[in-house]
Amino acid sequence: MRNSLSTNIVIENVLQFKMRGRVAYQGFVSSQVAINFFYSKPFDEPSGKGYQRPVNKNRSVDFAKYLAQGENSLYTPILLNASGNWEFQAYDRNRPLFGRLVAEKKASLMDGQHRLAGIEKYVKKTNSTLNVPFLAFHFLDEDEEIKLFDTINTKAKGIGTSLSKYLNRDNDDLSWVATNLILKPNSPFYQKGTLIGKRNKDRHITLQNLYNVVSLLIKKSQLEDLPKEKILNISMFYFDSISNLLPEQWEDIKSYRLSHVISLYALAIAGNKIINSNYLSKSQQPDSTKILSTLNKLQQIDWSNNGDLKYLKGLGGSKILAEDILNCL
């Protein structure tokens, strides 16, 4: 049987508690035990009570790489259903909620399969041992198990890519640049951008959008090797020049598409060529006079919402617009 064990597993130093009236256990096991004391219920099993997707190899490899970062690579407990097959034994009658678990069968894994797959890859490659935290319910029936899995994977919301970029701003140069484009009062994106990804009528550009803008602006060019402070200055100079050249179009998002995301991406793609064609390598500075002279021709483009730009969609539309911009310039 898939949930059978060749011998009982004893887990020490476990805390027993109740969650909404259900008995549960919290503790940790070694990585060697963790990769062998659970089983999964695939979504296509004949009983109709399965729900797990196949393990995504890329996600497990990414988690293994994350673990390789060392002490800073923390992770959350895996979630299990012991299905009544684990017995709790208190160490002391005076402390009835602290003791050991004796697992007679494997537990059903509800959440954490990619973490466990990544842990298995990591410990095999490094010949090391990790402590793996777990939270196990003493007993859930199969329908309760499926319902909890569904809640975890559909109702719970992730933090979003914009907030993730903000949280990583001190570890990732482009995240730092994008964050400062929003926060600096002298930035053309000041009070137009949102750090957490939630747009409104005034803040219609997300941090993720600006991260992509900066990426496109410096992609596969000498600008990629510059310090983050210089990348920020170049980004601010370029888009500040555009906003000063076309102030009405930049500010009025209801009537014009200049500061809409599709146009920002196009301007960044075009800017990559414009800046690199007018870049002074010796001083590591763009030739501002030539760039400003070139950008003046942006006034020839119809940026209105009722013009041809309204038919452009997605990154493909941005690339088409970038070509038009470069042809115009």
Protein backbone atom coordinates (compact mmCIF):
# COMPACT_ATOMS: atom_id res chain seq x y z
CA MET A 1 0.00 0.00 0.00
CA ARG A 2 1.20 3.52 -0.81
CA ASN A 3 0.80 4.72 2.79
CA SER A 4 2.57 1.78 4.41
CA LEU A 5 5.85 2.07 6.31
CA SER A 6 8.42 -0.69 6.70
CA THR A 7 8.80 0.31 10.33
CA ASN A 8 7.18 2.86 12.63
CA ILE A 9 8.64 6.37 12.65
CA VAL A 10 9.08 8.05 16.03
CA ILE A 11 9.07 11.86 16.04
CA GLU A 12 10.26 13.57 19.23
CA ASN A 13 9.53 17.00 20.72
CA VAL A 14 6.07 17.45 19.24
CA LEU A 15 3.46 19.97 20.37
CA GLN A 16 -0.18 18.87 20.34
CA PHE A 17 -2.89 21.52 19.99
CA LYS A 18 -6.39 22.10 18.68
CA MET A 19 -7.35 24.13 15.63
CA ARG A 20 -11.06 24.85 15.30
CA GLY A 21 -11.77 21.77 17.36
CA ARG A 22 -9.42 19.51 15.34
CA VAL A 23 -6.43 17.87 16.99
CA ALA A 24 -3.17 18.81 15.26
CA TYR A 25 0.56 18.38 15.81
CA GLN A 26 3.49 20.67 15.20
CA GLY A 27 7.11 19.62 15.07
CA PHE A 28 10.01 18.86 12.76
CA VAL A 29 11.81 15.86 11.28
CA SER A 30 15.09 15.36 9.49
CA SER A 31 15.04 15.75 5.71
CA GLN A 32 15.74 12.01 5.35
CA VAL A 33 12.56 11.23 7.26
CA ALA A 34 10.56 14.03 5.59
CA ILE A 35 10.99 12.68 2.06
CA ASN A 36 9.72 9.23 3.15
CA PHE A 37 6.90 9.76 5.65
CA PHE A 38 4.25 11.11 3.26
CA TYR A 39 2.36 10.12 0.13
CA SER A 40 0.43 12.20 -2.42
CA LYS A 41 -3.04 11.74 -3.86
CA PRO A 42 -2.82 12.59 -7.59
CA PHE A 43 -5.77 14.40 -9.13
CA ASP A 44 -6.48 11.57 -11.58
CA GLU A 45 -6.53 8.62 -9.18
CA PRO A 46 -9.43 6.17 -9.75
CA SER A 47 -11.09 6.85 -6.37
CA GLY A 48 -11.98 10.38 -7.47
CA LYS A 49 -10.60 11.70 -4.16
CA GLY A 50 -7.23 12.82 -5.49
CA TYR A 51 -6.24 16.47 -5.89
CA GLN A 52 -2.46 16.90 -6.17
CA ARG A 53 -0.94 18.17 -9.42
CA PRO A 54 2.25 16.56 -10.80
CA VAL A 55 5.40 18.04 -9.31
CA ASN A 56 6.73 20.89 -11.42
CA LYS A 57 10.44 20.10 -11.85
CA ASN A 58 11.39 23.72 -12.44
CA ARG A 59 9.78 24.81 -9.17
CA SER A 60 11.53 22.08 -7.21
CA VAL A 61 14.88 22.97 -8.82
CA ASP A 62 14.28 26.64 -7.97
CA PHE A 63 13.59 25.70 -4.35
CA ALA A 64 16.76 23.60 -4.20
CA LYS A 65 18.72 26.62 -5.48
CA TYR A 66 17.01 28.74 -2.84
CA LEU A 67 18.15 26.32 -0.12
CA ALA A 68 21.71 26.61 -1.39
CA GLN A 69 21.73 30.26 -0.25
CA GLY A 70 22.40 29.06 3.28
CA GLU A 71 21.10 30.40 6.58
CA ASN A 72 18.82 32.99 4.98
CA SER A 73 16.78 30.39 3.08
CA LEU A 74 13.92 29.92 5.51
CA TYR A 75 10.73 28.07 4.60
CA THR A 76 7.28 27.31 6.00
CA PRO A 77 6.01 23.98 7.43
CA ILE A 78 4.56 21.31 5.18
CA LEU A 79 0.93 20.39 5.82
CA LEU A 80 -0.13 16.77 6.44
CA ASN A 81 -3.16 14.67 7.26
CA ALA A 82 -2.20 11.74 9.51
CA SER A 83 -5.63 10.19 8.90
CA GLY A 84 -5.72 8.77 12.46
CA ASN A 85 -2.56 6.70 11.88
CA TRP A 86 -0.26 8.68 14.17
CA GLU A 87 -0.35 8.24 17.94
CA PHE A 88 0.66 11.01 20.34
CA GLN A 89 2.40 10.06 23.62
CA ALA A 90 2.94 12.79 26.23
CA TYR A 91 6.27 12.81 28.04
CA ASP A 92 4.78 13.94 31.32
CA ARG A 93 1.22 14.01 32.71
CA ASN A 94 1.93 17.52 33.94
CA ARG A 95 2.65 18.60 30.38
CA PRO A 96 0.10 16.62 28.39
CA LEU A 97 0.54 18.60 25.16
CA PHE A 98 4.28 17.94 24.70
CA GLY A 99 5.59 14.54 23.66
CA ARG A 100 6.35 12.18 20.81
CA LEU A 101 4.45 10.96 17.77
CA VAL A 102 4.53 7.38 16.60
CA ALA A 103 3.69 7.14 12.90
CA GLU A 104 2.40 3.72 11.91
CA LYS A 105 1.63 4.78 8.32
CA LYS A 106 2.57 7.60 5.99
CA ALA A 107 0.60 10.82 6.15
CA SER A 108 -1.22 12.36 3.19
CA LEU A 109 0.60 15.46 1.94
CA MET A 110 -1.74 18.44 1.49
CA ASP A 111 0.70 21.30 0.92
CA GLY A 112 4.44 21.40 0.31
CA GLN A 113 5.20 18.90 -2.44
CA HIS A 114 7.50 21.29 -4.32
CA ARG A 115 9.34 22.19 -1.14
CA LEU A 116 9.88 18.52 -0.34
CA ALA A 117 10.98 17.76 -3.90
CA GLY A 118 13.43 20.65 -3.71
CA ILE A 119 14.68 19.51 -0.30
CA GLU A 120 15.26 16.01 -1.68
CA LYS A 121 17.30 17.40 -4.59
CA TYR A 122 19.31 19.64 -2.30
CA VAL A 123 20.22 17.04 0.35
CA LYS A 124 21.16 14.45 -2.27
CA LYS A 125 23.41 16.91 -4.07
CA THR A 126 25.05 18.29 -0.92
CA ASN A 127 24.93 15.13 1.22
CA SER A 128 23.52 17.24 4.04
CA THR A 129 20.62 17.10 6.49
CA LEU A 130 17.93 19.72 7.08
CA ASN A 131 15.26 20.07 9.75
CA VAL A 132 11.88 20.12 8.02
CA PRO A 133 8.99 21.67 10.00
CA PHE A 134 5.51 20.18 9.67
CA LEU A 135 1.94 20.72 10.81
CA ALA A 136 -0.17 17.55 10.80
CA PHE A 137 -3.87 17.11 11.49
CA HIS A 138 -4.64 13.97 13.48
CA PHE A 139 -7.60 13.17 11.25
CA LEU A 140 -9.40 14.80 8.33
CA ASP A 141 -11.71 12.87 6.06
CA GLU A 142 -11.00 12.97 2.33
CA ASP A 143 -13.56 15.66 1.54
CA GLU A 144 -12.20 17.91 4.29
CA GLU A 145 -8.71 17.33 2.97
CA ILE A 146 -9.69 18.34 -0.57
CA LYS A 147 -11.54 21.40 0.68
CA LEU A 148 -8.53 22.61 2.68
CA PHE A 149 -6.22 22.04 -0.29
CA ASP A 150 -8.58 24.04 -2.50
CA THR A 151 -8.71 26.88 0.03
CA ILE A 152 -4.94 27.06 0.32
CA ASN A 153 -4.41 27.14 -3.42
CA THR A 154 -7.29 29.33 -4.58
CA LYS A 155 -8.53 31.54 -1.76
CA ALA A 156 -5.21 32.54 -0.23
CA LYS A 157 -3.66 35.42 -2.17
CA GLY A 158 0.02 35.76 -2.92
CA ILE A 159 1.80 39.00 -2.13
CA GLY A 160 2.02 39.86 -5.81
CA THR A 161 5.02 40.57 -8.01
CA SER A 162 5.19 44.30 -7.25
CA LEU A 163 5.40 43.88 -3.49
CA SER A 164 7.90 41.06 -4.00
CA LYS A 165 10.12 43.41 -6.01
CA TYR A 166 9.83 46.04 -3.25
CA LEU A 167 10.79 43.54 -0.55
CA ASN A 168 13.85 42.50 -2.59
CA ARG A 169 15.00 46.02 -3.43
CA ASP A 170 18.15 45.72 -1.29
CA ASN A 171 19.16 42.45 -2.95
CA ASP A 172 18.27 43.15 -6.57
CA ASP A 173 19.52 46.21 -8.44
CA LEU A 174 16.59 46.52 -10.86
CA SER A 175 14.10 46.26 -7.99
CA TRP A 176 16.00 49.06 -6.25
CA VAL A 177 15.94 51.23 -9.37
CA ALA A 178 12.22 50.64 -9.98
CA THR A 179 11.41 51.37 -6.33
CA ASN A 180 13.28 54.67 -6.42
CA LEU A 181 11.53 55.68 -9.64
CA ILE A 182 8.32 55.60 -7.60
CA LEU A 183 9.61 57.06 -4.33
CA LYS A 184 11.84 59.94 -5.44
CA PRO A 185 9.92 63.25 -5.59
CA ASN A 186 11.91 64.39 -8.63
CA SER A 187 11.01 61.26 -10.59
CA PRO A 188 8.46 61.54 -13.43
CA PHE A 189 6.78 58.45 -11.94
CA TYR A 190 6.39 59.98 -8.48
CA GLN A 191 2.72 59.69 -7.39
CA LYS A 192 1.99 57.70 -10.54
CA GLY A 193 3.31 54.37 -9.29
CA THR A 194 2.15 51.85 -6.72
CA LEU A 195 4.55 49.69 -4.71
CA ILE A 196 2.05 46.93 -3.92
CA GLY A 197 0.55 46.46 -7.37
CA LYS A 198 -2.90 47.85 -6.59
CA ARG A 199 -3.83 50.43 -9.24
CA ASN A 200 -6.20 53.35 -8.91
CA LYS A 201 -7.08 56.33 -11.12
CA ASP A 202 -3.98 58.26 -10.01
CA ARG A 203 -1.45 55.47 -9.47
CA HIS A 204 -1.80 53.42 -12.62
CA ILE A 205 1.78 52.12 -12.94
CA THR A 206 2.87 49.19 -10.77
CA LEU A 207 6.35 48.53 -9.44
CA GLN A 208 6.43 45.40 -11.61
CA ASN A 209 5.67 47.58 -14.64
CA LEU A 210 8.61 49.85 -13.85
CA TYR A 211 10.85 46.85 -13.21
CA ASN A 212 10.03 45.69 -16.75
CA VAL A 213 10.56 49.20 -18.12
CA VAL A 214 14.07 49.42 -16.66
CA SER A 215 14.84 45.88 -17.85
CA LEU A 216 13.87 46.80 -21.42
CA LEU A 217 15.77 50.08 -21.26
CA ILE A 218 19.13 48.45 -20.45
CA LYS A 219 18.62 44.96 -21.95
CA LYS A 220 21.67 43.41 -23.67
CA SER A 221 23.61 46.67 -23.66
CA GLN A 222 26.54 48.34 -21.94
CA LEU A 223 24.04 49.91 -19.57
CA GLU A 224 23.49 46.55 -17.84
CA ASP A 225 26.97 46.70 -16.30
CA LEU A 226 26.51 50.13 -14.73
CA PRO A 227 26.00 50.62 -10.97
CA LYS A 228 22.36 50.83 -9.95
CA GLU A 229 22.70 54.54 -9.12
CA LYS A 230 23.72 55.34 -12.71
CA ILE A 231 20.96 53.17 -14.14
CA LEU A 232 18.50 55.12 -11.97
CA ASN A 233 19.88 58.46 -13.14
CA ILE A 234 19.73 57.47 -16.80
CA SER A 235 16.18 56.14 -16.42
CA MET A 236 15.06 59.34 -14.70
CA PHE A 237 16.78 61.55 -17.28
CA TYR A 238 15.21 59.69 -20.21
CA PHE A 239 11.62 59.60 -18.95
CA ASP A 240 11.86 63.06 -17.37
CA SER A 241 12.88 64.42 -20.77
CA ILE A 242 9.80 62.80 -22.32
CA SER A 243 7.45 64.07 -19.59
CA ASN A 244 8.83 67.63 -19.95
CA LEU A 245 8.55 67.49 -23.73
CA LEU A 246 4.93 66.31 -23.64
CA PRO A 247 3.60 67.41 -20.24
CA GLU A 248 -0.10 67.33 -21.12
CA GLN A 249 0.10 63.89 -22.70
CA TRP A 250 2.13 62.59 -19.76
CA GLU A 251 -0.31 63.78 -17.11
CA ASP A 252 -3.69 63.26 -18.79
CA ILE A 253 -4.10 59.47 -18.84
CA LYS A 254 -7.78 59.71 -19.79
CA SER A 255 -7.08 61.49 -23.08
CA TYR A 256 -3.59 60.22 -23.90
CA ARG A 257 -1.69 56.92 -23.80
CA LEU A 258 1.83 58.29 -23.36
CA SER A 259 2.18 57.14 -19.75
CA HIS A 260 0.16 53.94 -20.20
CA VAL A 261 2.13 50.75 -19.70
CA ILE A 262 2.08 49.71 -23.36
CA SER A 263 3.65 53.05 -24.33
CA LEU A 264 6.17 52.98 -21.48
CA TYR A 265 7.40 49.58 -22.65
CA ALA A 266 7.65 50.90 -26.21
CA LEU A 267 9.55 53.98 -25.08
CA ALA A 268 11.92 51.77 -23.06
CA ILE A 269 12.58 49.48 -26.05
CA ALA A 270 13.24 52.52 -28.26
CA GLY A 271 15.23 54.18 -25.48
CA ASN A 272 17.56 51.20 -25.37
CA LYS A 273 18.68 52.04 -28.92
CA ILE A 274 18.53 55.80 -28.50
CA ILE A 275 20.64 55.93 -25.33
CA ASN A 276 23.18 53.33 -26.44
CA SER A 277 23.64 55.15 -29.78
CA ASN A 278 24.37 58.36 -27.87
CA TYR A 279 26.36 57.02 -24.94
CA LEU A 280 29.77 58.35 -23.97
CA SER A 281 31.61 55.26 -22.73
CA LYS A 282 34.56 57.19 -21.34
CA SER A 283 32.44 59.28 -18.96
CA GLN A 284 29.73 56.60 -18.64
CA GLN A 285 27.12 59.26 -19.38
CA PRO A 286 24.52 59.63 -22.13
CA ASP A 287 24.98 62.54 -24.54
CA SER A 288 22.04 64.50 -23.20
CA THR A 289 22.11 67.15 -25.93
CA LYS A 290 21.82 64.62 -28.77
CA ILE A 291 19.19 62.57 -26.92
CA LEU A 292 17.02 65.61 -26.22
CA SER A 293 17.28 66.65 -29.86
CA THR A 294 16.20 63.17 -30.94
CA LEU A 295 13.28 62.98 -28.50
CA ASN A 296 11.86 66.25 -29.81
CA LYS A 297 10.45 64.29 -32.72
CA LEU A 298 8.14 62.38 -30.35
CA GLN A 299 5.76 65.30 -30.78
CA GLN A 300 4.98 64.02 -34.27
CA ILE A 301 3.28 60.90 -32.85
CA ASP A 302 -0.43 60.93 -32.04
CA TRP A 303 -0.54 59.79 -28.40
CA SER A 304 -4.29 60.27 -28.01
CA ASN A 305 -6.57 57.49 -26.81
CA ASN A 306 -8.67 57.86 -29.96
CA GLY A 307 -5.76 57.42 -32.35
CA ASP A 308 -4.10 54.33 -33.75
CA LEU A 309 -2.56 53.47 -30.36
CA LYS A 310 -5.90 52.24 -29.05
CA TYR A 311 -5.56 49.14 -31.23
CA LEU A 312 -2.21 48.07 -29.73
CA LYS A 313 -2.27 45.36 -27.06
CA GLY A 314 0.35 43.59 -24.96
CA LEU A 315 4.11 43.40 -25.40
CA GLY A 316 3.62 42.73 -29.11
CA GLY A 317 1.87 46.07 -29.40
CA SER A 318 4.71 47.74 -27.50
CA LYS A 319 7.24 46.32 -29.96
CA ILE A 320 5.24 47.64 -32.93
CA LEU A 321 5.01 51.07 -31.32
CA ALA A 322 8.75 51.01 -30.55
CA GLU A 323 9.47 50.45 -34.25
CA ASP A 324 7.21 53.37 -35.16
CA ILE A 325 8.99 55.56 -32.60
CA LEU A 326 12.43 54.68 -33.96
CA ASN A 327 11.27 55.25 -37.55
CA CYS A 328 9.88 58.62 -36.54
CA LEU A 329 13.09 59.62 -34.77
